[in-house]
Amino acid sequence: MMKKITNKKLSKIIGGTTIESLTLTAALLNSFSKIIELVYEIGSGFGSSVRRMGEENICSTK
């Protein structure tokens, strides 16, 4: 059976994440790590392609 809560008690309940407090949640940290991983993979692929062009070690597209 659920208990009724008064409006006064409801206003005292604290929860969730607000912009002002900026608490770091697991989902937020996970999204930052995915962004960093994506940037790293893009840089790695770009660097590899630049190195292969410099060494003239490119497969033909024919």
PDB file of N, CA and C in Angstrom:
ATOM      1  N   MET A   1       0.836  -1.174   0.000  1.00  0.00           N
ATOM      2  CA  MET A   1       0.000   0.000   0.000  1.00  0.00           C
ATOM      3  C   MET A   1       0.885   1.243   0.000  1.00  0.00           C
ATOM      4  N   MET A   2       0.549   2.180  -0.883  1.00  0.00           N
ATOM      5  CA  MET A   2       1.352   3.392  -0.994  1.00  0.00           C
ATOM      6  C   MET A   2       0.894   4.438   0.007  1.00  0.00           C
ATOM      7  N   LYS A   3       1.848   5.180   0.500  1.00  0.00           N
ATOM      8  CA  LYS A   3       1.591   6.232   1.466  1.00  0.00           C
ATOM      9  C   LYS A   3       1.465   7.563   0.731  1.00  0.00           C
ATOM     10  N   LYS A   4       0.540   8.395   1.141  1.00  0.00           N
ATOM     11  CA  LYS A   4       0.421   9.725   0.544  1.00  0.00           C
ATOM     12  C   LYS A   4       1.480  10.639   1.147  1.00  0.00           C
ATOM     13  N   ILE A   5       2.045  11.467   0.305  1.00  0.00           N
ATOM     14  CA  ILE A   5       3.071  12.408   0.751  1.00  0.00           C
ATOM     15  C   ILE A   5       2.527  13.821   0.564  1.00  0.00           C
ATOM     16  N   THR A   6       2.737  14.661   1.541  1.00  0.00           N
ATOM     17  CA  THR A   6       2.257  16.035   1.456  1.00  0.00           C
ATOM     18  C   THR A   6       3.169  16.848   0.541  1.00  0.00           C
ATOM     19  N   ASN A   7       2.651  17.963   0.070  1.00  0.00           N
ATOM     20  CA  ASN A   7       3.437  18.841  -0.809  1.00  0.00           C
ATOM     21  C   ASN A   7       4.682  19.362  -0.105  1.00  0.00           C
ATOM     22  N   LYS A   8       4.607  19.567   1.205  1.00  0.00           N
ATOM     23  CA  LYS A   8       5.757  20.054   1.964  1.00  0.00           C
ATOM     24  C   LYS A   8       6.883  19.028   1.939  1.00  0.00           C
ATOM     25  N   LYS A   9       6.543  17.736   2.097  1.00  0.00           N
ATOM     26  CA  LYS A   9       7.546  16.677   2.051  1.00  0.00           C
ATOM     27  C   LYS A   9       8.073  16.470   0.632  1.00  0.00           C
ATOM     28  N   LEU A  10       7.198  16.659  -0.369  1.00  0.00           N
ATOM     29  CA  LEU A  10       7.633  16.512  -1.757  1.00  0.00           C
ATOM     30  C   LEU A  10       8.693  17.543  -2.121  1.00  0.00           C
ATOM     31  N   SER A  11       8.556  18.753  -1.600  1.00  0.00           N
ATOM     32  CA  SER A  11       9.520  19.807  -1.933  1.00  0.00           C
ATOM     33  C   SER A  11      10.891  19.544  -1.315  1.00  0.00           C
ATOM     34  N   LYS A  12      10.963  18.673  -0.312  1.00  0.00           N
ATOM     35  CA  LYS A  12      12.236  18.374   0.337  1.00  0.00           C
ATOM     36  C   LYS A  12      12.981  17.209  -0.312  1.00  0.00           C
ATOM     37  N   ILE A  13      12.334  16.528  -1.241  1.00  0.00           N
ATOM     38  CA  ILE A  13      12.976  15.382  -1.909  1.00  0.00           C
ATOM     39  C   ILE A  13      14.010  15.893  -2.896  1.00  0.00           C
ATOM     40  N   ILE A  14      15.216  15.355  -2.810  1.00  0.00           N
ATOM     41  CA  ILE A  14      16.315  15.736  -3.702  1.00  0.00           C
ATOM     42  C   ILE A  14      16.721  14.508  -4.496  1.00  0.00           C
ATOM     43  N   GLY A  15      16.853  14.666  -5.801  1.00  0.00           N
ATOM     44  CA  GLY A  15      17.266  13.540  -6.631  1.00  0.00           C
ATOM     45  C   GLY A  15      17.508  13.978  -8.057  1.00  0.00           C
ATOM     46  N   GLY A  16      18.102  13.091  -8.832  1.00  0.00           N
ATOM     47  CA  GLY A  16      18.377  13.394 -10.230  1.00  0.00           C
ATOM     48  C   GLY A  16      19.625  14.228 -10.394  1.00  0.00           C
ATOM     49  N   THR A  17      19.863  14.651 -11.614  1.00  0.00           N
ATOM     50  CA  THR A  17      21.033  15.451 -11.937  1.00  0.00           C
ATOM     51  C   THR A  17      20.594  16.787 -12.494  1.00  0.00           C
ATOM     52  N   THR A  18      21.156  17.831 -11.977  1.00  0.00           N
ATOM     53  CA  THR A  18      20.857  19.159 -12.491  1.00  0.00           C
ATOM     54  C   THR A  18      22.113  19.762 -13.089  1.00  0.00           C
ATOM     55  N   ILE A  19      21.921  20.743 -13.944  1.00  0.00           N
ATOM     56  CA  ILE A  19      23.054  21.418 -14.576  1.00  0.00           C
ATOM     57  C   ILE A  19      23.901  22.129 -13.519  1.00  0.00           C
ATOM     58  N   GLU A  20      23.245  22.710 -12.523  1.00  0.00           N
ATOM     59  CA  GLU A  20      23.982  23.467 -11.509  1.00  0.00           C
ATOM     60  C   GLU A  20      24.938  22.584 -10.717  1.00  0.00           C
ATOM     61  N   SER A  21      24.480  21.382 -10.339  1.00  0.00           N
ATOM     62  CA  SER A  21      25.322  20.527  -9.515  1.00  0.00           C
ATOM     63  C   SER A  21      26.365  19.796 -10.359  1.00  0.00           C
ATOM     64  N   LEU A  22      26.020  19.461 -11.610  1.00  0.00           N
ATOM     65  CA  LEU A  22      26.908  18.784 -12.553  1.00  0.00           C
ATOM     66  C   LEU A  22      27.579  17.566 -11.928  1.00  0.00           C
ATOM     67  N   THR A  23      26.790  16.703 -11.381  1.00  0.00           N
ATOM     68  CA  THR A  23      27.323  15.462 -10.831  1.00  0.00           C
ATOM     69  C   THR A  23      27.647  14.518 -11.970  1.00  0.00           C
ATOM     70  N   LEU A  24      28.732  13.795 -11.840  1.00  0.00           N
ATOM     71  CA  LEU A  24      29.159  12.873 -12.881  1.00  0.00           C
ATOM     72  C   LEU A  24      28.517  11.513 -12.661  1.00  0.00           C
ATOM     73  N   THR A  25      27.703  11.113 -13.591  1.00  0.00           N
ATOM     74  CA  THR A  25      27.067   9.812 -13.506  1.00  0.00           C
ATOM     75  C   THR A  25      27.831   8.829 -14.387  1.00  0.00           C
ATOM     76  N   ALA A  26      27.517   7.569 -14.234  1.00  0.00           N
ATOM     77  CA  ALA A  26      28.184   6.543 -15.032  1.00  0.00           C
ATOM     78  C   ALA A  26      27.881   6.733 -16.506  1.00  0.00           C
ATOM     79  N   ALA A  27      26.661   7.115 -16.843  1.00  0.00           N
ATOM     80  CA  ALA A  27      26.297   7.319 -18.249  1.00  0.00           C
ATOM     81  C   ALA A  27      27.081   8.481 -18.853  1.00  0.00           C
ATOM     82  N   LEU A  28      27.263   9.540 -18.080  1.00  0.00           N
ATOM     83  CA  LEU A  28      28.013  10.698 -18.566  1.00  0.00           C
ATOM     84  C   LEU A  28      29.479  10.344 -18.782  1.00  0.00           C
ATOM     85  N   LEU A  29      30.071   9.632 -17.834  1.00  0.00           N
ATOM     86  CA  LEU A  29      31.470   9.220 -17.983  1.00  0.00           C
ATOM     87  C   LEU A  29      31.638   8.261 -19.153  1.00  0.00           C
ATOM     88  N   ASN A  30      30.671   7.371 -19.347  1.00  0.00           N
ATOM     89  CA  ASN A  30      30.725   6.426 -20.452  1.00  0.00           C
ATOM     90  C   ASN A  30      30.652   7.156 -21.787  1.00  0.00           C
ATOM     91  N   SER A  31      29.804   8.164 -21.901  1.00  0.00           N
ATOM     92  CA  SER A  31      29.703   8.897 -23.154  1.00  0.00           C
ATOM     93  C   SER A  31      30.986   9.668 -23.449  1.00  0.00           C
ATOM     94  N   PHE A  32      31.611  10.249 -22.430  1.00  0.00           N
ATOM     95  CA  PHE A  32      32.889  10.933 -22.635  1.00  0.00           C
ATOM     96  C   PHE A  32      33.967   9.954 -23.103  1.00  0.00           C
ATOM     97  N   SER A  33      34.002   8.778 -22.521  1.00  0.00           N
ATOM     98  CA  SER A  33      35.019   7.807 -22.925  1.00  0.00           C
ATOM     99  C   SER A  33      34.787   7.327 -24.355  1.00  0.00           C
ATOM    100  N   LYS A  34      33.532   7.197 -24.762  1.00  0.00           N
ATOM    101  CA  LYS A  34      33.225   6.797 -26.146  1.00  0.00           C
ATOM    102  C   LYS A  34      33.645   7.882 -27.132  1.00  0.00           C
ATOM    103  N   ILE A  35      33.451   9.143 -26.765  1.00  0.00           N
ATOM    104  CA  ILE A  35      33.865  10.250 -27.632  1.00  0.00           C
ATOM    105  C   ILE A  35      35.380  10.260 -27.777  1.00  0.00           C
ATOM    106  N   ILE A  36      36.095  10.079 -26.682  1.00  0.00           N
ATOM    107  CA  ILE A  36      37.563  10.058 -26.733  1.00  0.00           C
ATOM    108  C   ILE A  36      38.044   8.879 -27.566  1.00  0.00           C
ATOM    109  N   GLU A  37      37.413   7.722 -27.417  1.00  0.00           N
ATOM    110  CA  GLU A  37      37.776   6.541 -28.198  1.00  0.00           C
ATOM    111  C   GLU A  37      37.540   6.773 -29.688  1.00  0.00           C
ATOM    112  N   LEU A  38      36.441   7.431 -30.035  1.00  0.00           N
ATOM    113  CA  LEU A  38      36.138   7.715 -31.437  1.00  0.00           C
ATOM    114  C   LEU A  38      37.161   8.669 -32.043  1.00  0.00           C
ATOM    115  N   VAL A  39      37.519   9.715 -31.311  1.00  0.00           N
ATOM    116  CA  VAL A  39      38.516  10.678 -31.794  1.00  0.00           C
ATOM    117  C   VAL A  39      39.862   9.987 -31.985  1.00  0.00           C
ATOM    118  N   TYR A  40      40.226   9.097 -31.062  1.00  0.00           N
ATOM    119  CA  TYR A  40      41.483   8.361 -31.170  1.00  0.00           C
ATOM    120  C   TYR A  40      41.487   7.479 -32.424  1.00  0.00           C
ATOM    121  N   GLU A  41      40.381   6.769 -32.682  1.00  0.00           N
ATOM    122  CA  GLU A  41      40.309   5.900 -33.853  1.00  0.00           C
ATOM    123  C   GLU A  41      40.358   6.687 -35.153  1.00  0.00           C
ATOM    124  N   ILE A  42      39.706   7.847 -35.204  1.00  0.00           N
ATOM    125  CA  ILE A  42      39.757   8.695 -36.397  1.00  0.00           C
ATOM    126  C   ILE A  42      41.182   9.172 -36.626  1.00  0.00           C
ATOM    127  N   GLY A  43      41.856   9.612 -35.571  1.00  0.00           N
ATOM    128  CA  GLY A  43      43.245  10.070 -35.698  1.00  0.00           C
ATOM    129  C   GLY A  43      44.178   8.960 -36.116  1.00  0.00           C
ATOM    130  N   SER A  44      43.961   7.767 -35.597  1.00  0.00           N
ATOM    131  CA  SER A  44      44.792   6.622 -35.959  1.00  0.00           C
ATOM    132  C   SER A  44      44.614   6.258 -37.429  1.00  0.00           C
ATOM    133  N   GLY A  45      43.370   6.240 -37.884  1.00  0.00           N
ATOM    134  CA  GLY A  45      43.109   5.929 -39.293  1.00  0.00           C
ATOM    135  C   GLY A  45      43.669   6.990 -40.218  1.00  0.00           C
ATOM    136  N   PHE A  46      43.525   8.254 -39.839  1.00  0.00           N
ATOM    137  CA  PHE A  46      44.057   9.347 -40.650  1.00  0.00           C
ATOM    138  C   PHE A  46      45.574   9.309 -40.694  1.00  0.00           C
ATOM    139  N   GLY A  47      46.207   9.079 -39.551  1.00  0.00           N
ATOM    140  CA  GLY A  47      47.667   9.000 -39.511  1.00  0.00           C
ATOM    141  C   GLY A  47      48.206   7.834 -40.319  1.00  0.00           C
ATOM    142  N   SER A  48      47.502   6.717 -40.262  1.00  0.00           N
ATOM    143  CA  SER A  48      47.911   5.553 -41.025  1.00  0.00           C
ATOM    144  C   SER A  48      47.809   5.815 -42.521  1.00  0.00           C
ATOM    145  N   SER A  49      46.739   6.482 -42.940  1.00  0.00           N
ATOM    146  CA  SER A  49      46.590   6.768 -44.367  1.00  0.00           C
ATOM    147  C   SER A  49      47.637   7.767 -44.847  1.00  0.00           C
ATOM    148  N   VAL A  50      47.976   8.755 -44.028  1.00  0.00           N
ATOM    149  CA  VAL A  50      49.015   9.722 -44.403  1.00  0.00           C
ATOM    150  C   VAL A  50      50.368   9.013 -44.516  1.00  0.00           C
ATOM    151  N   ARG A  51      50.652   8.112 -43.575  1.00  0.00           N
ATOM    152  CA  ARG A  51      51.920   7.374 -43.624  1.00  0.00           C
ATOM    153  C   ARG A  51      51.992   6.506 -44.876  1.00  0.00           C
ATOM    154  N   ARG A  52      50.910   5.830 -45.215  1.00  0.00           N
ATOM    155  CA  ARG A  52      50.908   4.964 -46.396  1.00  0.00           C
ATOM    156  C   ARG A  52      51.044   5.772 -47.679  1.00  0.00           C
ATOM    157  N   MET A  53      50.455   6.967 -47.726  1.00  0.00           N
ATOM    158  CA  MET A  53      50.613   7.823 -48.912  1.00  0.00           C
ATOM    159  C   MET A  53      52.057   8.304 -49.021  1.00  0.00           C
ATOM    160  N   GLY A  54      52.671   8.621 -47.874  1.00  0.00           N
ATOM    161  CA  GLY A  54      54.059   9.080 -47.884  1.00  0.00           C
ATOM    162  C   GLY A  54      55.017   7.983 -48.322  1.00  0.00           C
ATOM    163  N   GLU A  55      54.715   6.746 -47.972  1.00  0.00           N
ATOM    164  CA  GLU A  55      55.559   5.614 -48.358  1.00  0.00           C
ATOM    165  C   GLU A  55      55.169   5.049 -49.719  1.00  0.00           C
ATOM    166  N   GLU A  56      54.157   5.643 -50.344  1.00  0.00           N
ATOM    167  CA  GLU A  56      53.610   5.159 -51.614  1.00  0.00           C
ATOM    168  C   GLU A  56      53.259   3.676 -51.521  1.00  0.00           C
ATOM    169  N   ASN A  57      52.601   3.321 -50.447  1.00  0.00           N
ATOM    170  CA  ASN A  57      52.209   1.953 -50.199  1.00  0.00           C
ATOM    171  C   ASN A  57      50.674   1.875 -50.177  1.00  0.00           C
ATOM    172  N   ILE A  58      50.074   2.290 -51.316  1.00  0.00           N
ATOM    173  CA  ILE A  58      48.637   2.377 -51.403  1.00  0.00           C
ATOM    174  C   ILE A  58      48.147   1.327 -52.414  1.00  0.00           C
ATOM    175  N   CYS A  59      47.099   0.598 -52.041  1.00  0.00           N
ATOM    176  CA  CYS A  59      46.505  -0.376 -52.960  1.00  0.00           C
ATOM    177  C   CYS A  59      45.765   0.360 -54.072  1.00  0.00           C
ATOM    178  N   SER A  60      45.846  -0.168 -55.273  1.00  0.00           N
ATOM    179  CA  SER A  60      45.127   0.469 -56.379  1.00  0.00           C
ATOM    180  C   SER A  60      43.635   0.169 -56.248  1.00  0.00           C
ATOM    181  N   THR A  61      42.815   1.059 -56.773  1.00  0.00           N
ATOM    182  CA  THR A  61      41.372   0.906 -56.687  1.00  0.00           C
ATOM    183  C   THR A  61      40.780   0.285 -57.940  1.00  0.00           C
ATOM    184  N   LYS A  62      41.623  -0.189 -58.832  1.00  0.00           N
ATOM    185  CA  LYS A  62      41.144  -0.775 -60.092  1.00  0.00           C
ATOM    186  C   LYS A  62      40.645  -2.157 -59.904  1.00  0.00           C
TER     187      LYS A  62
END
